[in-house]
Amino acid sequence: MKKIKIITIVLAIILVTLVAFVGVYMQKQNRMENKVKDYQLSRELDRGRVIEIKPVEDTEEGKLTVKNYQVIKNTLEKRLKNLGATDYVISLNTADGTIRIELPEDDNTDLYAYYITAQGQVQIREKDTGVELLSDSMVKSAKYNYIYNSSGYQTYVEIELTKEGQAKIEEIANNYAILSNEIDEIEAKQEEDTETTEETTEQTTQEATTENEENAAQETQEQTKKIAVLSIGTPKTSSDSTEDSEETDTSTEYDVSKIEKNKITINIGTTTTNSTSVQNNMSKASEISMLVSSGKYPIEYEIENNRLEISSITTKQIMIFAIAILAILVIILIAISIKYKLQGLLVSISFIGFVAIFSLLLRYANVLISIEGIYAILLICAINLKLNTDILEVRKVNMTNEVVLNTYKEFFIKLIPIIIISIVFCFASWTNLSSFGMIMFWGLVLIAIYNVLITKTLLKLKESK
């Protein structure tokens, strides 16, 4: 029975090792595809994207300052962080304002490239004249959510204003129609008046004409509020609102549903029960909140360069390094098997299983692997080997579980400084340092769990045969 258990564990280790290092292939159309997830490699080890942006050509000279360039660089960092990007480098040329962004090449790179120059300016302006009533500088942040009622889901964004913006929105609310229900009423009334006017022009009597003029004058007096609209995007300035201007207004108008103190609530889409529409509305609301909350662009930028760069470290070099490390590990495991005989062989098999599970864990935990991360992988393997040999030495002298447990505790007490450093590095803003910390963290957790469940079990089964 003990032999069957040992064979079962060994076969399970072999299976996991094959999955980790060979893969699981399934047919997709006319080809075989590996269903095991790939490693997430940093720019240094894989392809990268370099994007260079610069101020648009017609930018006012007075705005081309180092201070504005720095503001945009900081805003870019916030945007990429909010989008979940981790491995990126942003550098600024203070001479001409050119900003260089280095990103890894993956499924999200095109999305990041879009948001690098996307504008999220919030503006309230008079509908008829285009005069700005509330500028983007009066906006602090934004957040999104949804409400559910009998009609379905309504997605919305809450825009928080500065103190100046709060005073301005109160003034606008008093003098303009900005809420969607107010605007609907005015537009319906205007449409009704247009129809009445057309009917009146067909009357021929002077009395009817005079009565119509008096009614129109009375209605005009009652309708004192002009319409104000809120838009988000890249609106034209009032000076660009002429017919001759070639600049395109890329802003989108949104319905204002509520104004309270320093907050403006806008609806994204309409109330719906359709799951696709709800998802699209939430995505749009998330985009608006991210652009508004990340900060403002005092200067409009455009992409000058967007190119792919291949890592200077080739696949062949990585393979040579991996084979060299593998050869060293094989020699060490053979030496352990010779020195400790069957127990050493079982520990060596267990170690191979540990490496296989560790590789899968790094892939499915989405841990970014950098050059520093490779050092962390090697360090984890060394730590696990040291623990395994310590356990073998203890069991060679004393087989009791208590002695092995004490050895286990003493080993991890010595690792406390490394554990603390690893956790601190996990939260580092520098991607390479974070990669080292995350790999060390997951490796140490796996060492603690795996050796109790697998390595110790194999050794106990062998002894009790």
Protein backbone atom coordinates (compact mmCIF):
# COMPACT_ATOMS: atom_id res chain seq x y z
CA MET A 1 0.00 0.00 0.00
CA LYS A 2 2.84 2.38 0.85
CA LYS A 3 4.51 1.63 -2.48
CA ILE A 4 1.29 2.43 -4.32
CA LYS A 5 1.03 5.79 -2.56
CA ILE A 6 4.65 6.65 -3.37
CA ILE A 7 4.19 5.63 -7.01
CA THR A 8 0.97 7.69 -7.19
CA ILE A 9 2.70 10.81 -5.86
CA VAL A 10 5.67 10.33 -8.20
CA LEU A 11 3.38 9.87 -11.20
CA ALA A 12 1.44 13.00 -10.21
CA ILE A 13 4.73 14.93 -10.06
CA ILE A 14 5.69 13.61 -13.50
CA LEU A 15 2.29 14.68 -14.89
CA VAL A 16 2.57 18.19 -13.44
CA THR A 17 6.12 18.48 -14.78
CA LEU A 18 4.97 17.52 -18.28
CA VAL A 19 2.15 20.07 -18.12
CA ALA A 20 4.51 22.80 -16.93
CA PHE A 21 7.42 22.22 -19.30
CA VAL A 22 5.85 20.50 -22.31
CA GLY A 23 2.31 21.84 -22.24
CA VAL A 24 -1.23 20.68 -22.95
CA TYR A 25 -1.97 20.76 -26.66
CA MET A 26 -5.44 20.81 -28.17
CA GLN A 27 -6.49 21.13 -31.77
CA LYS A 28 -7.80 24.50 -32.83
CA GLN A 29 -8.95 24.64 -36.44
CA ASN A 30 -6.02 23.17 -38.39
CA ARG A 31 -3.30 23.54 -35.79
CA MET A 32 -2.36 22.38 -32.28
CA GLU A 33 -2.42 25.04 -29.59
CA ASN A 34 -0.81 24.93 -26.15
CA LYS A 35 -3.49 25.69 -23.54
CA VAL A 36 -0.96 26.32 -20.75
CA LYS A 37 -0.55 30.02 -20.13
CA ASP A 38 2.70 31.73 -21.19
CA TYR A 39 5.02 33.64 -18.89
CA GLN A 40 4.54 37.38 -18.64
CA LEU A 41 7.96 38.73 -19.57
CA SER A 42 9.26 42.25 -19.07
CA ARG A 43 10.42 44.50 -21.91
CA GLU A 44 14.04 43.48 -21.26
CA LEU A 45 13.29 39.85 -22.08
CA ASP A 46 10.65 40.22 -24.77
CA ARG A 47 9.36 42.68 -27.34
CA GLY A 48 8.50 46.24 -26.34
CA ARG A 49 6.63 49.22 -27.75
CA VAL A 50 8.13 52.70 -27.87
CA ILE A 51 5.68 55.58 -28.22
CA GLU A 52 6.84 59.17 -28.56
CA ILE A 53 4.39 62.03 -28.24
CA LYS A 54 4.88 65.77 -28.74
CA PRO A 55 2.81 68.97 -28.51
CA VAL A 56 0.62 69.65 -31.53
CA GLU A 57 2.11 72.11 -34.00
CA ASP A 58 -0.26 75.02 -33.40
CA THR A 59 0.20 75.08 -29.60
CA GLU A 60 0.52 78.58 -28.16
CA GLU A 61 4.13 79.45 -27.39
CA GLY A 62 3.26 80.54 -23.87
CA LYS A 63 2.03 77.06 -22.99
CA LEU A 64 5.25 75.31 -24.06
CA THR A 65 6.82 75.34 -20.59
CA VAL A 66 8.72 72.74 -18.60
CA LYS A 67 6.05 72.97 -15.90
CA ASN A 68 3.31 71.96 -18.35
CA TYR A 69 5.47 69.18 -19.77
CA GLN A 70 5.99 67.80 -16.26
CA VAL A 71 2.26 67.97 -15.51
CA ILE A 72 1.53 65.88 -18.60
CA LYS A 73 4.24 63.35 -17.70
CA ASN A 74 2.73 62.94 -14.22
CA THR A 75 -0.76 62.61 -15.70
CA LEU A 76 0.49 59.91 -18.06
CA GLU A 77 1.91 57.95 -15.13
CA LYS A 78 -1.44 58.13 -13.32
CA ARG A 79 -3.32 57.01 -16.43
CA LEU A 80 -1.11 53.99 -17.00
CA LYS A 81 -1.28 53.07 -13.33
CA ASN A 82 -5.10 53.34 -13.33
CA LEU A 83 -5.20 51.16 -16.46
CA GLY A 84 -3.24 48.46 -14.65
CA ALA A 85 0.04 48.86 -16.53
CA THR A 86 3.04 47.79 -14.47
CA ASP A 87 6.08 47.56 -16.73
CA TYR A 88 6.65 50.97 -18.29
CA VAL A 89 9.19 53.78 -18.43
CA ILE A 90 8.31 57.42 -19.13
CA SER A 91 11.02 59.96 -19.97
CA LEU A 92 10.66 63.66 -20.77
CA ASN A 93 12.74 65.86 -23.07
CA THR A 94 12.39 69.26 -21.40
CA ALA A 95 13.83 71.05 -24.45
CA ASP A 96 10.90 70.41 -26.78
CA GLY A 97 8.35 68.59 -24.59
CA THR A 98 8.70 65.23 -26.33
CA ILE A 99 7.69 62.37 -24.03
CA ARG A 100 8.92 58.81 -24.62
CA ILE A 101 6.90 55.88 -23.25
CA GLU A 102 8.31 52.35 -23.24
CA LEU A 103 5.76 49.54 -22.83
CA PRO A 104 5.82 45.74 -23.13
CA GLU A 105 4.17 44.38 -26.27
CA ASP A 106 1.02 42.53 -25.24
CA ASP A 107 -2.76 42.51 -25.73
CA ASN A 108 -3.15 45.79 -23.81
CA THR A 109 -0.50 47.86 -25.58
CA ASP A 110 -2.79 49.32 -28.25
CA LEU A 111 -5.26 50.29 -25.52
CA TYR A 112 -2.51 52.08 -23.58
CA ALA A 113 -1.40 53.84 -26.78
CA TYR A 114 -4.93 55.18 -27.30
CA TYR A 115 -5.26 56.53 -23.78
CA ILE A 116 -1.84 58.19 -23.87
CA THR A 117 -3.22 61.05 -26.01
CA ALA A 118 -6.96 60.70 -25.33
CA GLN A 119 -8.55 63.82 -23.88
CA GLY A 120 -11.11 63.89 -21.10
CA GLN A 121 -11.79 67.62 -20.79
CA VAL A 122 -15.03 68.44 -19.02
CA GLN A 123 -16.70 71.62 -20.21
CA ILE A 124 -20.06 73.30 -19.85
CA ARG A 125 -20.93 75.80 -22.54
CA GLU A 126 -23.90 77.74 -23.84
CA LYS A 127 -25.56 75.66 -26.53
CA ASP A 128 -26.30 78.39 -29.07
CA THR A 129 -23.16 80.51 -28.83
CA GLY A 130 -20.59 77.94 -27.65
CA VAL A 131 -19.40 80.32 -24.89
CA GLU A 132 -17.61 78.41 -22.13
CA LEU A 133 -19.39 78.58 -18.78
CA LEU A 134 -17.39 76.03 -16.75
CA SER A 135 -13.85 74.95 -17.69
CA ASP A 136 -11.94 71.73 -17.13
CA SER A 137 -9.74 73.47 -14.55
CA MET A 138 -12.75 73.56 -12.20
CA VAL A 139 -13.04 69.74 -12.20
CA LYS A 140 -11.34 67.71 -9.47
CA SER A 141 -12.17 64.03 -10.10
CA ALA A 142 -14.84 61.57 -11.21
CA LYS A 143 -16.20 58.17 -10.25
CA TYR A 144 -18.78 55.90 -11.81
CA ASN A 145 -21.49 53.50 -10.68
CA TYR A 146 -24.97 52.35 -11.64
CA ILE A 147 -28.47 52.21 -10.19
CA TYR A 148 -31.16 49.60 -10.79
CA ASN A 149 -34.88 50.26 -11.01
CA SER A 150 -37.92 48.62 -12.58
CA SER A 151 -36.80 49.81 -16.04
CA GLY A 152 -33.31 48.36 -15.82
CA TYR A 153 -29.74 49.57 -15.16
CA GLN A 154 -28.69 53.20 -15.48
CA THR A 155 -24.95 53.88 -15.53
CA TYR A 156 -23.78 57.27 -14.32
CA VAL A 157 -20.66 59.30 -13.56
CA GLU A 158 -20.30 61.70 -10.64
CA ILE A 159 -18.03 64.64 -11.46
CA GLU A 160 -16.57 66.37 -8.40
CA LEU A 161 -15.83 70.09 -8.73
CA THR A 162 -13.35 72.41 -7.05
CA LYS A 163 -14.57 75.26 -4.83
CA GLU A 164 -14.45 77.55 -7.84
CA GLY A 165 -16.40 75.00 -9.84
CA GLN A 166 -18.99 74.66 -7.09
CA ALA A 167 -19.69 78.40 -7.15
CA LYS A 168 -19.81 78.34 -10.95
CA ILE A 169 -22.27 75.45 -11.21
CA GLU A 170 -24.64 77.20 -8.80
CA GLU A 171 -24.55 80.27 -11.01
CA ILE A 172 -25.13 78.16 -14.13
CA ALA A 173 -28.04 76.27 -12.54
CA ASN A 174 -29.72 79.58 -11.64
CA ASN A 175 -29.38 81.16 -15.07
CA TYR A 176 -29.38 78.25 -17.52
CA ALA A 177 -31.33 75.11 -18.20
CA ILE A 178 -28.78 72.33 -17.75
CA LEU A 179 -30.68 69.41 -16.23
CA SER A 180 -31.92 66.98 -18.87
CA ASN A 181 -35.58 67.27 -17.84
CA GLU A 182 -35.41 71.08 -18.07
CA ILE A 183 -33.84 70.92 -21.52
CA ASP A 184 -36.44 68.42 -22.72
CA GLU A 185 -39.24 70.75 -21.63
CA ILE A 186 -37.70 73.77 -23.36
CA GLU A 187 -37.00 71.90 -26.58
CA ALA A 188 -40.53 70.48 -26.60
CA LYS A 189 -41.91 73.98 -26.07
CA GLN A 190 -39.73 75.36 -28.86
CA GLU A 191 -40.98 72.66 -31.21
CA GLU A 192 -44.56 73.44 -30.25
CA ASP A 193 -44.00 77.18 -30.81
CA THR A 194 -42.50 76.46 -34.25
CA GLU A 195 -45.59 74.51 -35.26
CA THR A 196 -47.89 77.24 -33.90
CA THR A 197 -45.97 79.90 -35.82
CA GLU A 198 -46.28 77.96 -39.07
CA GLU A 199 -50.03 77.62 -38.59
CA THR A 200 -50.38 81.28 -37.70
CA THR A 201 -48.65 82.46 -40.88
CA GLU A 202 -51.47 80.89 -42.87
CA GLN A 203 -54.07 83.13 -41.19
CA THR A 204 -54.90 86.22 -43.14
CA THR A 205 -56.76 88.40 -40.67
CA GLN A 206 -54.98 91.23 -38.91
CA GLU A 207 -56.69 90.33 -35.64
CA ALA A 208 -55.24 86.83 -35.63
CA THR A 209 -51.78 88.12 -36.51
CA THR A 210 -51.88 90.66 -33.68
CA GLU A 211 -53.03 88.01 -31.21
CA ASN A 212 -50.20 85.69 -32.31
CA GLU A 213 -47.59 88.40 -31.82
CA GLU A 214 -48.88 89.12 -28.32
CA ASN A 215 -48.81 85.40 -27.43
CA ALA A 216 -45.28 85.01 -28.83
CA ALA A 217 -44.08 87.99 -26.82
CA GLN A 218 -45.62 86.56 -23.68
CA GLU A 219 -44.04 83.10 -24.27
CA THR A 220 -40.64 84.67 -24.98
CA GLN A 221 -40.86 86.52 -21.69
CA GLU A 222 -41.70 83.29 -19.84
CA GLN A 223 -38.75 81.44 -21.44
CA THR A 224 -35.83 83.34 -19.95
CA LYS A 225 -33.35 80.47 -19.50
CA LYS A 226 -30.90 79.55 -22.22
CA ILE A 227 -29.66 75.99 -22.61
CA ALA A 228 -26.23 74.87 -21.28
CA VAL A 229 -24.67 71.56 -22.26
CA LEU A 230 -21.95 69.45 -20.64
CA SER A 231 -19.41 67.78 -22.91
CA ILE A 232 -16.39 65.54 -22.34
CA GLY A 233 -13.55 65.11 -24.83
CA THR A 234 -11.62 67.69 -26.85
CA PRO A 235 -14.02 70.57 -27.49
CA LYS A 236 -13.24 73.57 -29.66
CA THR A 237 -12.46 76.74 -27.84
CA SER A 238 -14.70 79.74 -28.50
CA SER A 239 -12.04 81.20 -30.79
CA ASP A 240 -12.13 78.03 -32.90
CA SER A 241 -15.89 77.99 -33.35
CA THR A 242 -15.87 79.75 -36.69
CA GLU A 243 -16.84 77.97 -39.88
CA ASP A 244 -13.32 78.38 -41.28
CA SER A 245 -11.72 76.40 -38.44
CA GLU A 246 -10.46 72.97 -39.49
CA GLU A 247 -10.18 71.69 -35.91
CA THR A 248 -12.62 68.86 -35.19
CA ASP A 249 -14.74 68.87 -32.05
CA THR A 250 -14.27 65.35 -30.66
CA SER A 251 -16.24 65.96 -27.47
CA THR A 252 -19.47 64.15 -26.60
CA GLU A 253 -22.45 65.76 -24.88
CA TYR A 254 -24.00 64.01 -21.87
CA ASP A 255 -27.32 64.43 -20.06
CA VAL A 256 -27.00 66.02 -16.63
CA SER A 257 -29.41 64.22 -14.29
CA LYS A 258 -28.53 65.86 -10.97
CA ILE A 259 -26.58 68.75 -9.43
CA GLU A 260 -25.81 68.78 -5.72
CA LYS A 261 -23.27 70.97 -3.95
CA ASN A 262 -19.93 70.18 -5.63
CA LYS A 263 -21.09 67.23 -7.74
CA ILE A 264 -22.58 66.89 -11.20
CA THR A 265 -24.15 63.55 -12.10
CA ILE A 266 -24.33 62.62 -15.78
CA ASN A 267 -26.05 59.62 -17.34
CA ILE A 268 -24.08 57.28 -19.58
CA GLY A 269 -26.42 55.80 -22.14
CA THR A 270 -30.03 55.06 -21.33
CA THR A 271 -31.69 52.79 -18.80
CA THR A 272 -31.47 49.26 -20.19
CA THR A 273 -31.78 45.60 -19.28
CA ASN A 274 -29.57 44.45 -22.15
CA SER A 275 -26.34 43.01 -20.67
CA THR A 276 -24.20 44.08 -23.65
CA SER A 277 -25.46 47.66 -23.45
CA VAL A 278 -24.89 47.73 -19.68
CA GLN A 279 -21.32 46.48 -20.16
CA ASN A 280 -20.64 49.07 -22.87
CA ASN A 281 -22.04 51.86 -20.69
CA MET A 282 -19.90 50.75 -17.74
CA SER A 283 -16.81 50.65 -19.95
CA LYS A 284 -17.49 54.17 -21.18
CA ALA A 285 -18.13 55.40 -17.64
CA SER A 286 -14.88 53.77 -16.47
CA GLU A 287 -12.99 55.47 -19.30
CA ILE A 288 -14.42 58.89 -18.43
CA SER A 289 -13.64 58.47 -14.72
CA MET A 290 -10.09 57.38 -15.46
CA LEU A 291 -9.38 60.27 -17.84
CA VAL A 292 -10.90 62.89 -15.55
CA SER A 293 -9.37 61.59 -12.30
CA SER A 294 -5.87 61.03 -13.72
CA GLY A 295 -5.33 64.75 -14.26
CA LYS A 296 -5.45 67.31 -17.02
CA TYR A 297 -3.42 67.99 -20.10
CA PRO A 298 -2.59 71.71 -20.22
CA ILE A 299 -1.28 71.09 -23.76
CA GLU A 300 -2.74 68.88 -26.47
CA TYR A 301 -0.30 66.15 -27.55
CA GLU A 302 -0.13 63.92 -30.61
CA ILE A 303 1.72 60.66 -31.35
CA GLU A 304 4.91 61.22 -33.32
CA ASN A 305 6.30 57.65 -33.17
CA ASN A 306 4.75 54.28 -32.38
CA ARG A 307 7.17 51.44 -33.07
CA LEU A 308 8.01 47.92 -31.97
CA GLU A 309 11.43 47.22 -30.42
CA ILE A 310 12.95 43.78 -29.97
CA SER A 311 14.83 42.96 -26.77
CA SER A 312 18.61 42.86 -27.02
CA ILE A 313 18.47 39.58 -25.10
CA THR A 314 17.67 36.93 -27.69
CA THR A 315 15.63 33.75 -27.24
CA LYS A 316 18.77 31.75 -27.99
CA GLN A 317 20.65 33.44 -25.12
CA ILE A 318 17.78 32.71 -22.72
CA MET A 319 17.71 29.06 -23.80
CA ILE A 320 21.48 28.69 -23.31
CA PHE A 321 21.19 30.20 -19.82
CA ALA A 322 18.22 27.93 -18.95
CA ILE A 323 20.06 24.80 -20.16
CA ALA A 324 23.14 25.74 -18.11
CA ILE A 325 21.04 26.18 -14.95
CA LEU A 326 19.20 22.93 -15.67
CA ALA A 327 22.51 21.07 -16.04
CA ILE A 328 23.73 22.40 -12.69
CA LEU A 329 20.47 21.37 -10.98
CA VAL A 330 20.67 17.86 -12.49
CA ILE A 331 24.21 17.43 -11.17
CA ILE A 332 23.12 18.62 -7.70
CA LEU A 333 20.10 16.28 -7.63
CA ILE A 334 22.25 13.31 -8.76
CA ALA A 335 24.70 14.09 -5.97
CA ILE A 336 21.83 14.24 -3.43
CA SER A 337 20.47 10.90 -4.70
CA ILE A 338 23.89 9.25 -4.38
CA LYS A 339 24.56 10.64 -0.90
CA TYR A 340 21.13 9.96 0.63
CA LYS A 341 20.21 6.97 -1.56
CA LEU A 342 16.45 6.31 -1.90
CA GLN A 343 15.48 9.19 0.36
CA GLY A 344 17.67 11.49 -1.73
CA LEU A 345 16.03 10.22 -4.93
CA LEU A 346 12.55 10.91 -3.54
CA VAL A 347 13.59 14.42 -2.46
CA SER A 348 15.07 15.03 -5.91
CA ILE A 349 11.79 13.97 -7.55
CA SER A 350 9.91 16.19 -5.12
CA PHE A 351 12.19 19.10 -6.01
CA ILE A 352 11.39 18.67 -9.72
CA GLY A 353 7.70 18.80 -8.86
CA PHE A 354 8.29 21.95 -6.83
CA VAL A 355 9.95 23.68 -9.78
CA ALA A 356 7.09 22.62 -12.08
CA ILE A 357 4.37 23.93 -9.76
CA PHE A 358 6.36 27.11 -9.14
CA SER A 359 6.55 27.78 -12.88
CA LEU A 360 2.78 27.31 -13.23
CA LEU A 361 2.11 29.50 -10.21
CA LEU A 362 4.14 32.37 -11.67
CA ARG A 363 2.22 32.11 -14.95
CA TYR A 364 -1.29 31.96 -13.51
CA ALA A 365 -0.60 34.56 -10.82
CA ASN A 366 0.34 36.96 -13.66
CA VAL A 367 3.75 37.67 -12.14
CA LEU A 368 5.93 39.79 -14.40
CA ILE A 369 9.32 38.15 -14.93
CA SER A 370 12.24 40.55 -15.34
CA ILE A 371 16.00 39.99 -15.14
CA GLU A 372 15.77 40.63 -11.39
CA GLY A 373 12.89 38.16 -11.30
CA ILE A 374 15.12 35.45 -12.79
CA TYR A 375 17.55 36.02 -9.92
CA ALA A 376 14.61 35.57 -7.52
CA ILE A 377 13.67 32.26 -9.19
CA LEU A 378 17.23 30.99 -8.76
CA LEU A 379 17.26 32.12 -5.14
CA ILE A 380 13.98 30.32 -4.41
CA CYS A 381 15.34 27.12 -5.95
CA ALA A 382 18.48 27.43 -3.80
CA ILE A 383 16.42 28.02 -0.64
CA ASN A 384 14.23 24.99 -1.38
CA LEU A 385 17.29 22.82 -2.01
CA LYS A 386 18.81 23.93 1.30
CA LEU A 387 15.60 23.09 3.18
CA ASN A 388 15.43 19.68 1.51
CA THR A 389 19.03 18.81 2.42
CA ASP A 390 18.46 20.02 6.01
CA ILE A 391 15.43 17.71 6.29
CA LEU A 392 17.47 14.81 4.89
CA GLU A 393 20.28 15.42 7.40
CA VAL A 394 17.85 15.55 10.33
CA ARG A 395 15.99 12.42 9.28
CA LYS A 396 19.32 10.64 8.86
CA VAL A 397 20.01 11.15 12.58
CA ASN A 398 16.51 11.29 14.10
CA MET A 399 13.34 10.20 12.29
CA THR A 400 10.75 11.79 14.61
CA ASN A 401 8.24 14.30 13.26
CA GLU A 402 8.99 16.66 16.13
CA VAL A 403 12.65 17.01 15.16
CA VAL A 404 11.75 17.64 11.52
CA LEU A 405 9.15 20.24 12.58
CA ASN A 406 11.69 22.05 14.75
CA THR A 407 14.14 22.09 11.83
CA TYR A 408 11.38 23.52 9.65
CA LYS A 409 10.67 26.29 12.15
CA GLU A 410 14.33 27.19 12.64
CA PHE A 411 14.83 27.34 8.88
CA PHE A 412 11.97 29.79 8.34
CA ILE A 413 12.94 31.93 11.35
CA LYS A 414 16.27 32.52 9.62
CA LEU A 415 14.33 33.56 6.49
CA ILE A 416 12.30 36.27 8.28
CA PRO A 417 14.51 39.16 7.00
CA ILE A 418 14.19 37.82 3.43
CA ILE A 419 10.42 37.44 3.86
CA ILE A 420 10.09 41.04 5.06
CA ILE A 421 12.24 42.39 2.22
CA SER A 422 10.24 40.39 -0.33
CA ILE A 423 6.93 41.78 0.92
CA VAL A 424 8.30 45.33 0.85
CA PHE A 425 9.59 44.84 -2.70
CA CYS A 426 6.13 43.64 -3.80
CA PHE A 427 4.84 47.19 -3.32
CA ALA A 428 7.80 48.92 -4.97
CA SER A 429 6.96 51.36 -7.76
CA TRP A 430 9.95 50.16 -9.81
CA THR A 431 8.69 47.23 -11.87
CA ASN A 432 11.90 45.18 -11.76
CA LEU A 433 12.05 45.39 -7.97
CA SER A 434 8.37 44.50 -7.74
CA SER A 435 9.01 41.48 -9.98
CA PHE A 436 11.75 40.28 -7.63
CA GLY A 437 9.50 40.75 -4.60
CA MET A 438 6.45 39.00 -6.09
CA ILE A 439 8.47 35.99 -7.22
CA MET A 440 10.15 35.70 -3.82
CA PHE A 441 6.78 35.99 -2.05
CA TRP A 442 5.06 33.25 -4.06
CA GLY A 443 8.18 31.09 -3.91
CA LEU A 444 8.46 31.25 -0.12
CA VAL A 445 4.75 30.50 0.28
CA LEU A 446 5.08 27.49 -2.00
CA ILE A 447 8.19 26.25 -0.16
CA ALA A 448 6.31 26.33 3.15
CA ILE A 449 3.26 24.46 1.83
CA TYR A 450 4.77 22.09 -0.73
CA ASN A 451 7.45 20.53 1.44
CA VAL A 452 4.98 19.74 4.22
CA LEU A 453 2.44 18.19 1.84
CA ILE A 454 4.73 16.41 -0.64
CA THR A 455 8.40 16.12 0.42
CA LYS A 456 7.65 15.18 4.02
CA THR A 457 4.90 12.75 2.95
CA LEU A 458 7.21 10.93 0.52
CA LEU A 459 9.91 10.52 3.19
CA LYS A 460 7.41 9.25 5.79
CA LEU A 461 5.97 6.70 3.35
CA LYS A 462 9.45 5.41 2.55
CA GLU A 463 10.36 4.98 6.23
CA SER A 464 7.17 3.17 7.15
CA LYS A 465 7.50 0.54 4.40
